Amino acid sequence: QVQLMESGGGLVQPGGSLRLSCTVSGSISSPNYMGWYQRAPGRERELVARIHSNGVIDYRDSVKGRFTISRDNTKNTVYLQMNSLKPEDTAVYYCNVRPLTIIGSYWGQGTQVTVSS
C-alpha cells in the first residue's frame, strides 16, 4: 500500500523560507511525477510544482524563481524549497505522486503553510 508522509509546514514571516518534504512508502512504478499542490482558502487545489522521474520540472508562474522542487529517488522523497514567501502563499500544501502507468494518483494528508507577520 502506498502512503505519503509530508512534513515541514508551519508559520513563517513574509520573506522567510520553508522546506517541505514528502516521503513515499510502498512501491511506485516509473515513469511518474512527484509534485506539490496547494489549496488556498476559498480556492481549488492547484499545482505548484512537479518533477518527472526523468528530471523535467514544471512550476506555476507565480512561484518561479522562489520555489525549487527536487527529488531523491534513493529515499523516495520529494522536496519543495520555498523562499521569499508571500502572504498569498498561505495554503494547505499536498504532496502528490502520479505513476504514468496507472489511472489516478496518490495524495498526502496535507501540511499547512501560513505566511504572516
Protein backbone atom coordinates (compact mmCIF):
# COMPACT_ATOMS: atom_id res chain seq x y z
CA GLN A 1 0.00 0.00 0.00
CA VAL A 2 1.36 3.41 -0.98
CA GLN A 3 1.44 6.12 1.67
CA LEU A 4 2.77 9.67 1.52
CA MET A 5 4.07 11.39 4.63
CA GLU A 6 4.56 15.15 4.50
CA SER A 7 6.45 17.41 6.85
CA GLY A 8 7.86 20.90 7.05
CA GLY A 9 4.87 23.21 7.13
CA GLY A 10 4.41 25.98 9.66
CA LEU A 11 4.16 29.68 10.29
CA VAL A 12 6.70 32.00 8.71
CA GLN A 13 7.02 35.73 8.21
CA PRO A 14 6.86 37.28 4.75
CA GLY A 15 10.20 36.91 3.04
CA GLY A 16 11.02 33.80 5.01
CA SER A 17 11.68 30.24 3.88
CA LEU A 18 10.30 26.79 4.49
CA ARG A 19 11.21 23.37 3.16
CA LEU A 20 8.52 20.76 2.66
CA SER A 21 9.34 17.07 2.45
CA CYS A 22 7.25 14.13 1.33
CA THR A 23 8.41 10.56 1.73
CA VAL A 24 6.66 7.78 -0.13
CA SER A 25 6.35 4.33 1.36
CA GLY A 26 5.40 1.45 -0.89
CA SER A 27 6.22 0.76 -4.49
CA ILE A 28 5.71 3.39 -7.18
CA SER A 29 6.10 2.47 -10.82
CA SER A 30 8.03 4.58 -13.28
CA PRO A 31 7.72 6.80 -15.13
CA ASN A 32 6.00 9.06 -12.63
CA TYR A 33 5.52 12.61 -11.43
CA MET A 34 6.10 13.74 -7.87
CA GLY A 35 4.69 17.11 -7.08
CA TRP A 36 3.14 19.64 -4.77
CA TYR A 37 -0.29 21.21 -4.91
CA GLN A 38 -1.79 23.93 -2.78
CA ARG A 39 -5.30 24.69 -1.66
CA ALA A 40 -5.63 28.28 -0.57
CA PRO A 41 -8.71 29.44 1.35
CA GLY A 42 -11.68 29.65 -0.97
CA ARG A 43 -9.80 28.19 -3.93
CA GLU A 44 -9.48 24.88 -5.69
CA ARG A 45 -6.40 22.74 -5.30
CA GLU A 46 -3.76 23.91 -7.80
CA LEU A 47 -0.44 22.61 -8.99
CA VAL A 48 2.58 24.39 -7.52
CA ALA A 49 5.39 22.32 -8.99
CA ARG A 50 6.07 18.83 -10.23
CA ILE A 51 9.10 16.82 -11.22
CA HIS A 52 9.11 13.89 -13.60
CA SER A 53 11.16 10.80 -12.88
CA ASN A 54 13.35 11.86 -15.83
CA GLY A 55 14.07 15.17 -14.08
CA VAL A 56 11.86 17.51 -16.09
CA ILE A 57 10.30 20.17 -13.87
CA ASP A 58 7.20 22.34 -14.17
CA TYR A 59 6.42 25.35 -11.98
CA ARG A 60 3.39 27.54 -11.69
CA ASP A 61 4.29 31.02 -12.88
CA SER A 62 3.69 32.67 -9.51
CA VAL A 63 6.38 30.58 -7.79
CA LYS A 64 9.08 30.61 -10.45
CA GLY A 65 12.33 31.95 -9.05
CA ARG A 66 11.15 31.48 -5.47
CA PHE A 67 10.36 27.77 -5.11
CA THR A 68 12.56 24.82 -6.01
CA ILE A 69 11.34 21.26 -6.31
CA SER A 70 13.70 18.31 -6.13
CA ARG A 71 13.54 14.59 -5.57
CA ASP A 72 15.78 11.92 -4.11
CA ASN A 73 14.84 8.64 -5.72
CA THR A 74 17.05 6.67 -3.32
CA LYS A 75 14.89 7.94 -0.46
CA ASN A 76 11.57 8.06 -2.36
CA THR A 77 11.31 11.67 -1.24
CA VAL A 78 10.29 14.89 -2.93
CA TYR A 79 11.15 18.32 -1.54
CA LEU A 80 9.82 21.82 -2.04
CA GLN A 81 12.15 24.61 -1.00
CA MET A 82 10.11 27.78 -0.65
CA ASN A 83 11.94 31.09 -0.42
CA SER A 84 10.77 34.69 -0.40
CA LEU A 85 7.41 33.57 0.88
CA LYS A 86 4.43 35.87 0.48
CA PRO A 87 1.12 36.01 2.35
CA GLU A 88 -0.60 34.74 -0.80
CA ASP A 89 1.42 31.52 -0.49
CA THR A 90 -0.64 30.68 2.57
CA ALA A 91 -2.37 27.37 1.89
CA VAL A 92 -2.50 23.71 2.69
CA TYR A 93 0.17 22.02 0.61
CA TYR A 94 -0.39 18.48 -0.63
CA CYS A 95 2.16 16.04 -1.91
CA ASN A 96 1.12 14.07 -4.98
CA VAL A 97 2.64 11.09 -6.74
CA ARG A 98 1.27 10.11 -10.14
CA PRO A 99 2.57 6.98 -11.79
CA LEU A 100 2.00 7.26 -15.52
CA THR A 101 1.26 3.54 -15.85
CA ILE A 102 -2.00 3.70 -13.90
CA ILE A 103 -5.10 5.85 -13.76
CA GLY A 104 -5.18 8.04 -10.68
CA SER A 105 -2.60 9.23 -8.19
CA TYR A 106 -1.67 9.23 -4.53
CA TRP A 107 -2.08 12.13 -2.13
CA GLY A 108 -0.59 13.12 1.17
CA GLN A 109 -2.67 14.39 4.05
CA GLY A 110 -1.60 18.00 3.56
CA THR A 111 0.55 20.37 5.57
CA GLN A 112 -0.40 23.94 6.48
CA VAL A 113 1.84 26.80 5.42
CA THR A 114 0.97 30.20 6.84
CA VAL A 115 2.84 33.33 5.81
CA SER A 116 2.03 36.19 8.13
CA SER A 117 3.69 38.88 10.16
